PDB file of N, CA and C in Angstrom:
ATOM      1  N   MET A   1       0.828  -1.190   0.000  1.00  0.00           N
ATOM      2  CA  MET A   1       0.000   0.000   0.000  1.00  0.00           C
ATOM      3  C   MET A   1       0.867   1.247   0.000  1.00  0.00           C
ATOM      4  N   SER A   2       0.434   2.258  -0.702  1.00  0.00           N
ATOM      5  CA  SER A   2       1.201   3.493  -0.708  1.00  0.00           C
ATOM      6  C   SER A   2       0.930   4.276   0.568  1.00  0.00           C
ATOM      7  N   GLU A   3       1.789   5.212   0.857  1.00  0.00           N
ATOM      8  CA  GLU A   3       1.660   6.004   2.083  1.00  0.00           C
ATOM      9  C   GLU A   3       0.369   6.805   2.092  1.00  0.00           C
ATOM     10  N   SER A   4      -0.080   7.293   0.938  1.00  0.00           N
ATOM     11  CA  SER A   4      -1.283   8.116   0.879  1.00  0.00           C
ATOM     12  C   SER A   4      -2.542   7.318   1.210  1.00  0.00           C
ATOM     13  N   THR A   5      -2.547   6.018   0.968  1.00  0.00           N
ATOM     14  CA  THR A   5      -3.731   5.223   1.269  1.00  0.00           C
ATOM     15  C   THR A   5      -3.738   4.697   2.695  1.00  0.00           C
ATOM     16  N   THR A   6      -2.576   4.678   3.352  1.00  0.00           N
ATOM     17  CA  THR A   6      -2.530   4.152   4.710  1.00  0.00           C
ATOM     18  C   THR A   6      -2.828   5.214   5.757  1.00  0.00           C
ATOM     19  N   SER A   7      -2.553   6.471   5.473  1.00  0.00           N
ATOM     20  CA  SER A   7      -2.836   7.522   6.450  1.00  0.00           C
ATOM     21  C   SER A   7      -4.089   8.273   6.018  1.00  0.00           C
ATOM     22  N   ALA A   8      -5.149   8.102   6.809  1.00  0.00           N
ATOM     23  CA  ALA A   8      -6.419   8.741   6.479  1.00  0.00           C
ATOM     24  C   ALA A   8      -6.443  10.191   6.933  1.00  0.00           C
ATOM     25  N   TRP A   9      -5.573  10.556   7.867  1.00  0.00           N
ATOM     26  CA  TRP A   9      -5.586  11.903   8.414  1.00  0.00           C
ATOM     27  C   TRP A   9      -4.161  12.378   8.559  1.00  0.00           C
ATOM     28  N   VAL A  10      -3.926  13.620   8.224  1.00  0.00           N
ATOM     29  CA  VAL A  10      -2.600  14.204   8.343  1.00  0.00           C
ATOM     30  C   VAL A  10      -2.688  15.338   9.355  1.00  0.00           C
ATOM     31  N   ALA A  11      -1.808  15.347  10.309  1.00  0.00           N
ATOM     32  CA  ALA A  11      -1.800  16.391  11.332  1.00  0.00           C
ATOM     33  C   ALA A  11      -1.463  17.732  10.705  1.00  0.00           C
ATOM     34  N   PRO A  12      -2.097  18.810  11.188  1.00  0.00           N
ATOM     35  CA  PRO A  12      -1.778  20.134  10.653  1.00  0.00           C
ATOM     36  C   PRO A  12      -0.341  20.521  10.992  1.00  0.00           C
ATOM     37  N   ALA A  13       0.232  21.407  10.186  1.00  0.00           N
ATOM     38  CA  ALA A  13       1.619  21.821  10.380  1.00  0.00           C
ATOM     39  C   ALA A  13       1.775  22.686  11.626  1.00  0.00           C
ATOM     40  N   THR A  14       0.707  23.385  12.029  1.00  0.00           N
ATOM     41  CA  THR A  14       0.773  24.242  13.217  1.00  0.00           C
ATOM     42  C   THR A  14      -0.437  23.976  14.102  1.00  0.00           C
ATOM     43  N   ASP A  15      -0.360  24.507  15.307  1.00  0.00           N
ATOM     44  CA  ASP A  15      -1.492  24.406  16.219  1.00  0.00           C
ATOM     45  C   ASP A  15      -2.487  25.543  16.014  1.00  0.00           C
ATOM     46  N   GLU A  16      -2.149  26.491  15.152  1.00  0.00           N
ATOM     47  CA  GLU A  16      -3.030  27.629  14.896  1.00  0.00           C
ATOM     48  C   GLU A  16      -4.221  27.177  14.053  1.00  0.00           C
ATOM     49  N   PRO A  17      -5.416  27.672  14.390  1.00  0.00           N
ATOM     50  CA  PRO A  17      -6.598  27.285  13.615  1.00  0.00           C
ATOM     51  C   PRO A  17      -6.541  27.858  12.194  1.00  0.00           C
ATOM     52  N   ASP A  18      -7.065  27.104  11.275  1.00  0.00           N
ATOM     53  CA  ASP A  18      -7.137  27.535   9.882  1.00  0.00           C
ATOM     54  C   ASP A  18      -8.222  28.607   9.773  1.00  0.00           C
ATOM     55  N   PRO A  19      -7.916  29.808   9.279  1.00  0.00           N
ATOM     56  CA  PRO A  19      -8.921  30.873   9.215  1.00  0.00           C
ATOM     57  C   PRO A  19     -10.109  30.530   8.318  1.00  0.00           C
ATOM     58  N   VAL A  20      -9.892  29.754   7.276  1.00  0.00           N
ATOM     59  CA  VAL A  20     -10.995  29.373   6.394  1.00  0.00           C
ATOM     60  C   VAL A  20     -11.963  28.452   7.132  1.00  0.00           C
ATOM     61  N   ILE A  21     -11.425  27.473   7.841  1.00  0.00           N
ATOM     62  CA  ILE A  21     -12.270  26.551   8.603  1.00  0.00           C
ATOM     63  C   ILE A  21     -13.010  27.307   9.700  1.00  0.00           C
ATOM     64  N   GLU A  22     -12.326  28.210  10.376  1.00  0.00           N
ATOM     65  CA  GLU A  22     -12.962  28.994  11.439  1.00  0.00           C
ATOM     66  C   GLU A  22     -14.105  29.842  10.878  1.00  0.00           C
ATOM     67  N   ALA A  23     -13.939  30.392   9.680  1.00  0.00           N
ATOM     68  CA  ALA A  23     -15.006  31.191   9.059  1.00  0.00           C
ATOM     69  C   ALA A  23     -16.220  30.322   8.758  1.00  0.00           C
ATOM     70  N   TYR A  24     -16.009  29.116   8.252  1.00  0.00           N
ATOM     71  CA  TYR A  24     -17.126  28.219   7.961  1.00  0.00           C
ATOM     72  C   TYR A  24     -17.815  27.746   9.238  1.00  0.00           C
ATOM     73  N   LYS A  25     -17.054  27.507  10.293  1.00  0.00           N
ATOM     74  CA  LYS A  25     -17.630  27.018  11.545  1.00  0.00           C
ATOM     75  C   LYS A  25     -18.631  28.006  12.129  1.00  0.00           C
ATOM     76  N   GLN A  26     -18.459  29.286  11.877  1.00  0.00           N
ATOM     77  CA  GLN A  26     -19.391  30.295  12.377  1.00  0.00           C
ATOM     78  C   GLN A  26     -20.778  30.115  11.782  1.00  0.00           C
ATOM     79  N   GLU A  27     -20.860  29.577  10.580  1.00  0.00           N
ATOM     80  CA  GLU A  27     -22.133  29.444   9.868  1.00  0.00           C
ATOM     81  C   GLU A  27     -22.800  28.084  10.062  1.00  0.00           C
ATOM     82  N   VAL A  28     -22.162  27.181  10.800  1.00  0.00           N
ATOM     83  CA  VAL A  28     -22.694  25.830  10.972  1.00  0.00           C
ATOM     84  C   VAL A  28     -23.392  25.724  12.317  1.00  0.00           C
ATOM     85  N   ASP A  29     -24.636  25.274  12.289  1.00  0.00           N
ATOM     86  CA  ASP A  29     -25.379  25.051  13.525  1.00  0.00           C
ATOM     87  C   ASP A  29     -24.999  23.673  14.055  1.00  0.00           C
ATOM     88  N   ARG A  30     -24.073  23.640  14.980  1.00  0.00           N
ATOM     89  CA  ARG A  30     -23.569  22.365  15.486  1.00  0.00           C
ATOM     90  C   ARG A  30     -24.583  21.633  16.347  1.00  0.00           C
ATOM     91  N   THR A  31     -25.610  22.346  16.830  1.00  0.00           N
ATOM     92  CA  THR A  31     -26.632  21.661  17.622  1.00  0.00           C
ATOM     93  C   THR A  31     -27.380  20.648  16.763  1.00  0.00           C
ATOM     94  N   LEU A  32     -27.581  20.973  15.488  1.00  0.00           N
ATOM     95  CA  LEU A  32     -28.243  20.022  14.586  1.00  0.00           C
ATOM     96  C   LEU A  32     -27.358  18.813  14.329  1.00  0.00           C
ATOM     97  N   LEU A  33     -26.057  19.034  14.201  1.00  0.00           N
ATOM     98  CA  LEU A  33     -25.136  17.912  14.008  1.00  0.00           C
ATOM     99  C   LEU A  33     -25.133  17.002  15.228  1.00  0.00           C
ATOM    100  N   ARG A  34     -25.083  17.614  16.409  1.00  0.00           N
ATOM    101  CA  ARG A  34     -25.085  16.814  17.638  1.00  0.00           C
ATOM    102  C   ARG A  34     -26.393  16.036  17.788  1.00  0.00           C
ATOM    103  N   ALA A  35     -27.510  16.693  17.470  1.00  0.00           N
ATOM    104  CA  ALA A  35     -28.810  16.019  17.581  1.00  0.00           C
ATOM    105  C   ALA A  35     -28.875  14.827  16.630  1.00  0.00           C
ATOM    106  N   ASN A  36     -28.344  14.982  15.427  1.00  0.00           N
ATOM    107  CA  ASN A  36     -28.360  13.879  14.477  1.00  0.00           C
ATOM    108  C   ASN A  36     -27.451  12.742  14.936  1.00  0.00           C
ATOM    109  N   LEU A  37     -26.307  13.078  15.499  1.00  0.00           N
ATOM    110  CA  LEU A  37     -25.391  12.043  15.978  1.00  0.00           C
ATOM    111  C   LEU A  37     -25.954  11.317  17.199  1.00  0.00           C
ATOM    112  N   ALA A  38     -26.883  11.938  17.911  1.00  0.00           N
ATOM    113  CA  ALA A  38     -27.505  11.283  19.066  1.00  0.00           C
ATOM    114  C   ALA A  38     -28.530  10.241  18.629  1.00  0.00           C
ATOM    115  N   ARG A  39     -28.964  10.315  17.371  1.00  0.00           N
ATOM    116  CA  ARG A  39     -29.932   9.344  16.855  1.00  0.00           C
ATOM    117  C   ARG A  39     -29.241   8.015  16.551  1.00  0.00           C
ATOM    118  N   THR A  40     -30.049   6.968  16.521  1.00  0.00           N
ATOM    119  CA  THR A  40     -29.506   5.671  16.135  1.00  0.00           C
ATOM    120  C   THR A  40     -29.294   5.651  14.624  1.00  0.00           C
ATOM    121  N   VAL A  41     -28.545   4.677  14.164  1.00  0.00           N
ATOM    122  CA  VAL A  41     -28.321   4.539  12.724  1.00  0.00           C
ATOM    123  C   VAL A  41     -29.652   4.332  12.016  1.00  0.00           C
ATOM    124  N   ASP A  42     -30.532   3.527  12.606  1.00  0.00           N
ATOM    125  CA  ASP A  42     -31.850   3.272  12.015  1.00  0.00           C
ATOM    126  C   ASP A  42     -32.655   4.570  11.879  1.00  0.00           C
ATOM    127  N   GLU A  43     -32.624   5.412  12.909  1.00  0.00           N
ATOM    128  CA  GLU A  43     -33.349   6.692  12.846  1.00  0.00           C
ATOM    129  C   GLU A  43     -32.773   7.594  11.769  1.00  0.00           C
ATOM    130  N   ARG A  44     -31.449   7.607  11.647  1.00  0.00           N
ATOM    131  CA  ARG A  44     -30.826   8.444  10.610  1.00  0.00           C
ATOM    132  C   ARG A  44     -31.205   7.970   9.214  1.00  0.00           C
ATOM    133  N   ILE A  45     -31.238   6.661   9.026  1.00  0.00           N
ATOM    134  CA  ILE A  45     -31.612   6.126   7.713  1.00  0.00           C
ATOM    135  C   ILE A  45     -33.067   6.446   7.406  1.00  0.00           C
ATOM    136  N   ARG A  46     -33.959   6.307   8.396  1.00  0.00           N
ATOM    137  CA  ARG A  46     -35.368   6.648   8.183  1.00  0.00           C
ATOM    138  C   ARG A  46     -35.526   8.114   7.805  1.00  0.00           C
ATOM    139  N   ASN A  47     -34.789   8.992   8.477  1.00  0.00           N
ATOM    140  CA  ASN A  47     -34.845  10.414   8.132  1.00  0.00           C
ATOM    141  C   ASN A  47     -34.336  10.655   6.715  1.00  0.00           C
ATOM    142  N   LEU A  48     -33.296   9.957   6.324  1.00  0.00           N
ATOM    143  CA  LEU A  48     -32.757  10.094   4.976  1.00  0.00           C
ATOM    144  C   LEU A  48     -33.778   9.636   3.935  1.00  0.00           C
ATOM    145  N   VAL A  49     -34.459   8.528   4.214  1.00  0.00           N
ATOM    146  CA  VAL A  49     -35.483   8.028   3.289  1.00  0.00           C
ATOM    147  C   VAL A  49     -36.605   9.055   3.159  1.00  0.00           C
ATOM    148  N   ARG A  50     -37.031   9.645   4.290  1.00  0.00           N
ATOM    149  CA  ARG A  50     -38.074  10.684   4.241  1.00  0.00           C
ATOM    150  C   ARG A  50     -37.620  11.878   3.419  1.00  0.00           C
ATOM    151  N   LEU A  51     -36.366  12.275   3.591  1.00  0.00           N
ATOM    152  CA  LEU A  51     -35.833  13.401   2.819  1.00  0.00           C
ATOM    153  C   LEU A  51     -35.812  13.079   1.331  1.00  0.00           C
ATOM    154  N   GLN A  52     -35.417  11.863   0.977  1.00  0.00           N
ATOM    155  CA  GLN A  52     -35.393  11.458  -0.434  1.00  0.00           C
ATOM    156  C   GLN A  52     -36.789  11.474  -1.034  1.00  0.00           C
ATOM    157  N   ARG A  53     -37.770  10.991  -0.276  1.00  0.00           N
ATOM    158  CA  ARG A  53     -39.164  11.022  -0.756  1.00  0.00           C
ATOM    159  C   ARG A  53     -39.637  12.449  -0.970  1.00  0.00           C
ATOM    160  N   PHE A  54     -39.332  13.319  -0.012  1.00  0.00           N
ATOM    161  CA  PHE A  54     -39.717  14.722  -0.133  1.00  0.00           C
ATOM    162  C   PHE A  54     -39.080  15.349  -1.373  1.00  0.00           C
ATOM    163  N   ALA A  55     -37.787  15.076  -1.587  1.00  0.00           N
ATOM    164  CA  ALA A  55     -37.088  15.630  -2.746  1.00  0.00           C
ATOM    165  C   ALA A  55     -37.723  15.145  -4.046  1.00  0.00           C
ATOM    166  N   GLU A  56     -38.108  13.873  -4.096  1.00  0.00           N
ATOM    167  CA  GLU A  56     -38.743  13.338  -5.300  1.00  0.00           C
ATOM    168  C   GLU A  56     -40.102  13.995  -5.535  1.00  0.00           C
ATOM    169  N   HIS A  57     -40.882  14.181  -4.479  1.00  0.00           N
ATOM    170  CA  HIS A  57     -42.180  14.863  -4.620  1.00  0.00           C
ATOM    171  C   HIS A  57     -41.979  16.304  -5.097  1.00  0.00           C
ATOM    172  N   ALA A  58     -40.961  16.981  -4.571  1.00  0.00           N
ATOM    173  CA  ALA A  58     -40.678  18.352  -4.996  1.00  0.00           C
ATOM    174  C   ALA A  58     -40.281  18.387  -6.470  1.00  0.00           C
ATOM    175  N   ARG A  59     -39.467  17.421  -6.908  1.00  0.00           N
ATOM    176  CA  ARG A  59     -39.085  17.360  -8.326  1.00  0.00           C
ATOM    177  C   ARG A  59     -40.307  17.139  -9.207  1.00  0.00           C
ATOM    178  N   GLN A  60     -41.176  16.221  -8.788  1.00  0.00           N
ATOM    179  CA  GLN A  60     -42.381  15.943  -9.574  1.00  0.00           C
ATOM    180  C   GLN A  60     -43.282  17.167  -9.641  1.00  0.00           C
ATOM    181  N   ALA A  61     -43.412  17.881  -8.532  1.00  0.00           N
ATOM    182  CA  ALA A  61     -44.230  19.092  -8.525  1.00  0.00           C
ATOM    183  C   ALA A  61     -43.636  20.139  -9.453  1.00  0.00           C
ATOM    184  N   GLY A  62     -42.321  20.259  -9.447  1.00  0.00           N
ATOM    185  CA  GLY A  62     -41.655  21.201 -10.338  1.00  0.00           C
ATOM    186  C   GLY A  62     -41.868  20.863 -11.796  1.00  0.00           C
ATOM    187  N   ARG A  63     -41.800  19.567 -12.119  1.00  0.00           N
ATOM    188  CA  ARG A  63     -42.037  19.142 -13.498  1.00  0.00           C
ATOM    189  C   ARG A  63     -43.485  19.412 -13.903  1.00  0.00           C
ATOM    190  N   HIS A  64     -44.399  19.218 -12.975  1.00  0.00           N
ATOM    191  CA  HIS A  64     -45.824  19.418 -13.258  1.00  0.00           C
ATOM    192  C   HIS A  64     -46.122  20.889 -13.576  1.00  0.00           C
ATOM    193  N   LEU A  65     -45.390  21.803 -12.953  1.00  0.00           N
ATOM    194  CA  LEU A  65     -45.615  23.228 -13.165  1.00  0.00           C
ATOM    195  C   LEU A  65     -45.039  23.734 -14.464  1.00  0.00           C
ATOM    196  N   ARG A  66     -44.159  23.007 -15.078  1.00  0.00           N
ATOM    197  CA  ARG A  66     -43.538  23.473 -16.326  1.00  0.00           C
ATOM    198  C   ARG A  66     -44.477  23.396 -17.479  1.00  0.00           C
TER     199      ARG A  66
END
């Protein structure tokens, strides 16, 4: 195996936070991420299936309006 495939994560060169990442973190509601991670895998999959169904209904409605 090559070195790039064996190391999934590379440590940053400094301990200073990346300004780009810090800017994006301001816009992310981490409470939603934590709430989703508190769900079981089964609950997450069910939510994903519901989202996919909703997206398909929205696409069909959009096509119907054209």
